[in-house]
Amino acid sequence: MYSLRTARPAAALCLVAFTAGCSPALNWRNVPLADTGLVALMPCKPDHAVRPVDLGGRPAELALWGCDADGATFAVSHMRAFGPEAADAALAQWRSAVLARMQAQANPTAAEPFAPPKALALPSAVRTTAQGRWLDGAAITAHAAWFARLQGREVHLYHAVVYAPAARPSVADTFFAGLALQ
């Protein structure tokens, strides 16, 4: 039987979930991203793909985890850089490529520094919001972050993004707060 005694805790839980950027369509879970040293808080079970890319004239392997939930696309990408001295330039190039691909307006929202615990404090490690166009021409807003980590002598580069037809700042805040370097 459903009573007021059981309804209060359930209502409180719903209020907490709502204020954290959650909804019934966003089933948040921690997802360890294999061989990256990163755990991501994802609102859906992500698919995984790997493809070759050109990183500053050098071939690199890009690993991507992504899923769609509640009208938005959530994705985390990872690749290895060629050395600590190349990390900042690689992040800047990656950011430029993503914003160009989505035909972002010339002046996206000012970027702010973004460095989860254990990440390198680099000038190009930033979080930004940009308006642009999806591949089919539809308007899109991207909440995106780029960051890096030095693990031994190897540099790991990361890109996390929420694509949606309109800005979703509370959802993006939850997503980015859930990025944890191991």
C-alpha atoms as a PDB file:
ATOM      1  CA  MET A   1       0.000   0.000   0.000  1.00  0.00           C
ATOM      2  CA  TYR A   2       1.283   3.448  -0.919  1.00  0.00           C
ATOM      3  CA  SER A   3       1.219   5.810   2.080  1.00  0.00           C
ATOM      4  CA  LEU A   4       2.365   9.302   2.962  1.00  0.00           C
ATOM      5  CA  ARG A   5       5.232   7.721   4.904  1.00  0.00           C
ATOM      6  CA  THR A   6       6.634   6.119   1.714  1.00  0.00           C
ATOM      7  CA  ALA A   7       5.694   9.073  -0.503  1.00  0.00           C
ATOM      8  CA  ARG A   8       7.877  11.624   1.334  1.00  0.00           C
ATOM      9  CA  PRO A   9      11.197   9.827   0.763  1.00  0.00           C
ATOM     10  CA  ALA A  10      10.251   9.162  -2.863  1.00  0.00           C
ATOM     11  CA  ALA A  11       9.341  12.813  -3.390  1.00  0.00           C
ATOM     12  CA  ALA A  12      12.593  13.933  -1.783  1.00  0.00           C
ATOM     13  CA  LEU A  13      14.558  11.568  -4.036  1.00  0.00           C
ATOM     14  CA  CYS A  14      12.782  12.937  -7.128  1.00  0.00           C
ATOM     15  CA  LEU A  15      13.555  16.504  -6.054  1.00  0.00           C
ATOM     16  CA  VAL A  16      17.245  15.670  -5.579  1.00  0.00           C
ATOM     17  CA  ALA A  17      17.352  13.919  -8.956  1.00  0.00           C
ATOM     18  CA  PHE A  18      15.645  16.866 -10.668  1.00  0.00           C
ATOM     19  CA  THR A  19      18.042  19.424  -9.215  1.00  0.00           C
ATOM     20  CA  ALA A  20      21.029  17.278 -10.265  1.00  0.00           C
ATOM     21  CA  GLY A  21      20.054  17.436 -13.929  1.00  0.00           C
ATOM     22  CA  CYS A  22      18.363  14.058 -13.882  1.00  0.00           C
ATOM     23  CA  SER A  23      15.060  12.927 -15.260  1.00  0.00           C
ATOM     24  CA  PRO A  24      13.415   9.549 -15.720  1.00  0.00           C
ATOM     25  CA  ALA A  25      14.941   9.511 -19.227  1.00  0.00           C
ATOM     26  CA  LEU A  26      18.461   9.977 -17.789  1.00  0.00           C
ATOM     27  CA  ASN A  27      19.570   6.798 -16.050  1.00  0.00           C
ATOM     28  CA  TRP A  28      22.998   7.902 -14.774  1.00  0.00           C
ATOM     29  CA  ARG A  29      25.639   5.238 -14.195  1.00  0.00           C
ATOM     30  CA  ASN A  30      29.429   5.132 -13.794  1.00  0.00           C
ATOM     31  CA  VAL A  31      31.074   3.669 -16.888  1.00  0.00           C
ATOM     32  CA  PRO A  32      34.771   2.732 -16.776  1.00  0.00           C
ATOM     33  CA  LEU A  33      36.189   3.522 -20.215  1.00  0.00           C
ATOM     34  CA  ALA A  34      38.574   0.664 -21.006  1.00  0.00           C
ATOM     35  CA  ASP A  35      42.289   1.482 -21.269  1.00  0.00           C
ATOM     36  CA  THR A  36      41.755   5.231 -20.727  1.00  0.00           C
ATOM     37  CA  GLY A  37      42.116   5.688 -16.975  1.00  0.00           C
ATOM     38  CA  LEU A  38      38.747   7.493 -16.972  1.00  0.00           C
ATOM     39  CA  VAL A  39      35.350   6.690 -15.470  1.00  0.00           C
ATOM     40  CA  ALA A  40      32.464   8.679 -16.938  1.00  0.00           C
ATOM     41  CA  LEU A  41      29.006   9.267 -15.502  1.00  0.00           C
ATOM     42  CA  MET A  42      26.745   8.452 -18.464  1.00  0.00           C
ATOM     43  CA  PRO A  43      22.936   8.745 -18.598  1.00  0.00           C
ATOM     44  CA  CYS A  44      22.610   5.688 -20.824  1.00  0.00           C
ATOM     45  CA  LYS A  45      24.586   2.593 -21.828  1.00  0.00           C
ATOM     46  CA  PRO A  46      27.210   3.826 -24.316  1.00  0.00           C
ATOM     47  CA  ASP A  47      28.243   2.217 -27.574  1.00  0.00           C
ATOM     48  CA  HIS A  48      31.972   2.018 -28.253  1.00  0.00           C
ATOM     49  CA  ALA A  49      33.925   2.554 -31.479  1.00  0.00           C
ATOM     50  CA  VAL A  50      37.553   3.075 -32.465  1.00  0.00           C
ATOM     51  CA  ARG A  51      38.794   4.766 -35.621  1.00  0.00           C
ATOM     52  CA  PRO A  52      42.035   6.188 -36.981  1.00  0.00           C
ATOM     53  CA  VAL A  53      42.415   9.990 -37.098  1.00  0.00           C
ATOM     54  CA  ASP A  54      45.081  12.477 -38.120  1.00  0.00           C
ATOM     55  CA  LEU A  55      46.497  14.360 -35.125  1.00  0.00           C
ATOM     56  CA  GLY A  56      48.739  17.135 -36.372  1.00  0.00           C
ATOM     57  CA  GLY A  57      50.040  15.128 -39.313  1.00  0.00           C
ATOM     58  CA  ARG A  58      50.487  11.945 -37.282  1.00  0.00           C
ATOM     59  CA  PRO A  59      48.098   9.004 -37.210  1.00  0.00           C
ATOM     60  CA  ALA A  60      46.326   8.377 -33.913  1.00  0.00           C
ATOM     61  CA  GLU A  61      43.642   6.006 -32.691  1.00  0.00           C
ATOM     62  CA  LEU A  62      40.464   7.686 -31.425  1.00  0.00           C
ATOM     63  CA  ALA A  63      38.248   5.693 -29.050  1.00  0.00           C
ATOM     64  CA  LEU A  64      34.688   6.946 -28.585  1.00  0.00           C
ATOM     65  CA  TRP A  65      31.915   6.034 -26.151  1.00  0.00           C
ATOM     66  CA  GLY A  66      28.510   7.587 -26.782  1.00  0.00           C
ATOM     67  CA  CYS A  67      24.783   7.244 -26.337  1.00  0.00           C
ATOM     68  CA  ASP A  68      21.543   9.149 -26.827  1.00  0.00           C
ATOM     69  CA  ALA A  69      19.114   9.926 -24.007  1.00  0.00           C
ATOM     70  CA  ASP A  70      16.340  12.449 -23.441  1.00  0.00           C
ATOM     71  CA  GLY A  71      16.928  14.178 -26.794  1.00  0.00           C
ATOM     72  CA  ALA A  72      20.683  14.640 -26.296  1.00  0.00           C
ATOM     73  CA  THR A  73      23.847  12.851 -27.367  1.00  0.00           C
ATOM     74  CA  PHE A  74      26.502  12.194 -24.706  1.00  0.00           C
ATOM     75  CA  ALA A  75      30.019  11.237 -25.777  1.00  0.00           C
ATOM     76  CA  VAL A  76      33.525  10.825 -24.417  1.00  0.00           C
ATOM     77  CA  SER A  77      36.530  10.423 -26.709  1.00  0.00           C
ATOM     78  CA  HIS A  78      40.098   9.418 -25.908  1.00  0.00           C
ATOM     79  CA  MET A  79      43.418   9.290 -27.718  1.00  0.00           C
ATOM     80  CA  ARG A  80      47.058   9.189 -26.821  1.00  0.00           C
ATOM     81  CA  ALA A  81      49.407  12.052 -27.656  1.00  0.00           C
ATOM     82  CA  PHE A  82      53.033  11.804 -28.684  1.00  0.00           C
ATOM     83  CA  GLY A  83      54.505  13.430 -25.602  1.00  0.00           C
ATOM     84  CA  PRO A  84      53.804  15.962 -22.856  1.00  0.00           C
ATOM     85  CA  GLU A  85      55.112  18.829 -24.986  1.00  0.00           C
ATOM     86  CA  ALA A  86      52.475  18.085 -27.661  1.00  0.00           C
ATOM     87  CA  ALA A  87      49.447  17.784 -25.341  1.00  0.00           C
ATOM     88  CA  ASP A  88      48.350  21.430 -25.265  1.00  0.00           C
ATOM     89  CA  ALA A  89      48.650  21.887 -29.036  1.00  0.00           C
ATOM     90  CA  ALA A  90      46.783  18.623 -29.628  1.00  0.00           C
ATOM     91  CA  LEU A  91      43.899  19.719 -27.371  1.00  0.00           C
ATOM     92  CA  ALA A  92      43.698  23.081 -29.161  1.00  0.00           C
ATOM     93  CA  GLN A  93      43.655  21.361 -32.553  1.00  0.00           C
ATOM     94  CA  TRP A  94      41.008  18.897 -31.384  1.00  0.00           C
ATOM     95  CA  ARG A  95      38.818  21.727 -30.087  1.00  0.00           C
ATOM     96  CA  SER A  96      39.136  23.648 -33.375  1.00  0.00           C
ATOM     97  CA  ALA A  97      38.218  20.548 -35.384  1.00  0.00           C
ATOM     98  CA  VAL A  98      35.109  19.808 -33.287  1.00  0.00           C
ATOM     99  CA  LEU A  99      33.860  23.399 -33.437  1.00  0.00           C
ATOM    100  CA  ALA A 100      34.542  23.614 -37.194  1.00  0.00           C
ATOM    101  CA  ARG A 101      32.721  20.346 -37.842  1.00  0.00           C
ATOM    102  CA  MET A 102      29.605  21.626 -36.083  1.00  0.00           C
ATOM    103  CA  GLN A 103      29.909  24.979 -37.883  1.00  0.00           C
ATOM    104  CA  ALA A 104      30.050  26.763 -34.535  1.00  0.00           C
ATOM    105  CA  GLN A 105      29.500  30.491 -34.485  1.00  0.00           C
ATOM    106  CA  ALA A 106      32.725  32.472 -34.559  1.00  0.00           C
ATOM    107  CA  ASN A 107      32.377  33.468 -30.877  1.00  0.00           C
ATOM    108  CA  PRO A 108      31.306  30.472 -28.806  1.00  0.00           C
ATOM    109  CA  THR A 109      30.668  31.114 -25.129  1.00  0.00           C
ATOM    110  CA  ALA A 110      33.952  32.003 -23.446  1.00  0.00           C
ATOM    111  CA  ALA A 111      35.921  28.923 -22.556  1.00  0.00           C
ATOM    112  CA  GLU A 112      36.726  28.333 -18.907  1.00  0.00           C
ATOM    113  CA  PRO A 113      39.555  26.192 -17.555  1.00  0.00           C
ATOM    114  CA  PHE A 114      38.608  22.545 -17.087  1.00  0.00           C
ATOM    115  CA  ALA A 115      40.844  20.129 -15.203  1.00  0.00           C
ATOM    116  CA  PRO A 116      39.296  17.275 -13.250  1.00  0.00           C
ATOM    117  CA  PRO A 117      41.460  15.978 -10.380  1.00  0.00           C
ATOM    118  CA  LYS A 118      44.655  14.334 -11.766  1.00  0.00           C
ATOM    119  CA  ALA A 119      44.378  16.241 -15.085  1.00  0.00           C
ATOM    120  CA  LEU A 120      47.107  18.490 -16.450  1.00  0.00           C
ATOM    121  CA  ALA A 121      46.534  22.230 -16.024  1.00  0.00           C
ATOM    122  CA  LEU A 122      46.986  23.224 -19.675  1.00  0.00           C
ATOM    123  CA  PRO A 123      45.797  26.419 -21.393  1.00  0.00           C
ATOM    124  CA  SER A 124      43.763  24.347 -23.882  1.00  0.00           C
ATOM    125  CA  ALA A 125      42.115  22.228 -21.162  1.00  0.00           C
ATOM    126  CA  VAL A 126      38.780  24.045 -21.262  1.00  0.00           C
ATOM    127  CA  ARG A 127      35.016  23.723 -21.080  1.00  0.00           C
ATOM    128  CA  THR A 128      32.808  25.732 -23.412  1.00  0.00           C
ATOM    129  CA  THR A 129      29.304  25.967 -24.843  1.00  0.00           C
ATOM    130  CA  ALA A 130      28.860  26.613 -28.561  1.00  0.00           C
ATOM    131  CA  GLN A 131      25.950  26.965 -30.972  1.00  0.00           C
ATOM    132  CA  GLY A 132      26.217  25.426 -34.415  1.00  0.00           C
ATOM    133  CA  ARG A 133      24.706  23.017 -36.911  1.00  0.00           C
ATOM    134  CA  TRP A 134      24.371  19.248 -36.829  1.00  0.00           C
ATOM    135  CA  LEU A 135      25.436  17.279 -39.916  1.00  0.00           C
ATOM    136  CA  ASP A 136      21.848  17.411 -41.231  1.00  0.00           C
ATOM    137  CA  GLY A 137      21.743  21.218 -40.836  1.00  0.00           C
ATOM    138  CA  ALA A 138      19.628  21.265 -37.649  1.00  0.00           C
ATOM    139  CA  ALA A 139      20.594  23.738 -34.915  1.00  0.00           C
ATOM    140  CA  ILE A 140      22.714  22.200 -32.160  1.00  0.00           C
ATOM    141  CA  THR A 141      24.205  23.297 -28.857  1.00  0.00           C
ATOM    142  CA  ALA A 142      27.363  21.616 -27.618  1.00  0.00           C
ATOM    143  CA  HIS A 143      28.534  21.637 -24.018  1.00  0.00           C
ATOM    144  CA  ALA A 144      32.097  20.420 -24.469  1.00  0.00           C
ATOM    145  CA  ALA A 145      35.322  19.930 -22.539  1.00  0.00           C
ATOM    146  CA  TRP A 146      38.868  18.940 -23.477  1.00  0.00           C
ATOM    147  CA  PHE A 147      41.505  17.834 -20.964  1.00  0.00           C
ATOM    148  CA  ALA A 148      44.653  15.728 -20.666  1.00  0.00           C
ATOM    149  CA  ARG A 149      46.498  13.524 -18.235  1.00  0.00           C
ATOM    150  CA  LEU A 150      50.091  12.407 -17.950  1.00  0.00           C
ATOM    151  CA  GLN A 151      50.279   8.737 -17.027  1.00  0.00           C
ATOM    152  CA  GLY A 152      53.883   7.597 -16.804  1.00  0.00           C
ATOM    153  CA  ARG A 153      55.482   8.945 -19.977  1.00  0.00           C
ATOM    154  CA  GLU A 154      52.267   8.761 -21.959  1.00  0.00           C
ATOM    155  CA  VAL A 155      49.776  11.597 -22.418  1.00  0.00           C
ATOM    156  CA  HIS A 156      46.080  10.765 -22.616  1.00  0.00           C
ATOM    157  CA  LEU A 157      43.789  13.299 -24.297  1.00  0.00           C
ATOM    158  CA  TYR A 158      40.051  13.429 -23.588  1.00  0.00           C
ATOM    159  CA  HIS A 159      37.025  15.174 -25.071  1.00  0.00           C
ATOM    160  CA  ALA A 160      33.586  15.027 -23.423  1.00  0.00           C
ATOM    161  CA  VAL A 161      30.486  16.556 -24.997  1.00  0.00           C
ATOM    162  CA  VAL A 162      26.713  16.860 -24.692  1.00  0.00           C
ATOM    163  CA  TYR A 163      24.977  17.712 -27.985  1.00  0.00           C
ATOM    164  CA  ALA A 164      21.348  18.858 -27.809  1.00  0.00           C
ATOM    165  CA  PRO A 165      18.976  21.039 -29.846  1.00  0.00           C
ATOM    166  CA  ALA A 166      18.987  23.614 -27.014  1.00  0.00           C
ATOM    167  CA  ALA A 167      21.316  24.375 -24.103  1.00  0.00           C
ATOM    168  CA  ARG A 168      21.119  21.887 -21.212  1.00  0.00           C
ATOM    169  CA  PRO A 169      23.449  23.415 -18.578  1.00  0.00           C
ATOM    170  CA  SER A 170      22.268  21.379 -15.571  1.00  0.00           C
ATOM    171  CA  VAL A 171      22.555  18.117 -17.507  1.00  0.00           C
ATOM    172  CA  ALA A 172      26.014  19.140 -18.760  1.00  0.00           C
ATOM    173  CA  ASP A 173      27.084  20.057 -15.207  1.00  0.00           C
ATOM    174  CA  THR A 174      26.101  16.571 -13.999  1.00  0.00           C
ATOM    175  CA  PHE A 175      27.900  14.919 -16.928  1.00  0.00           C
ATOM    176  CA  PHE A 176      31.153  16.870 -16.493  1.00  0.00           C
ATOM    177  CA  ALA A 177      31.159  16.520 -12.692  1.00  0.00           C
ATOM    178  CA  GLY A 178      31.050  12.751 -13.200  1.00  0.00           C
ATOM    179  CA  LEU A 179      34.328  12.562 -15.155  1.00  0.00           C
ATOM    180  CA  ALA A 180      36.881  10.911 -12.865  1.00  0.00           C
ATOM    181  CA  LEU A 181      40.478  10.098 -13.742  1.00  0.00           C
ATOM    182  CA  GLN A 182      41.636   6.924 -11.982  1.00  0.00           C
END
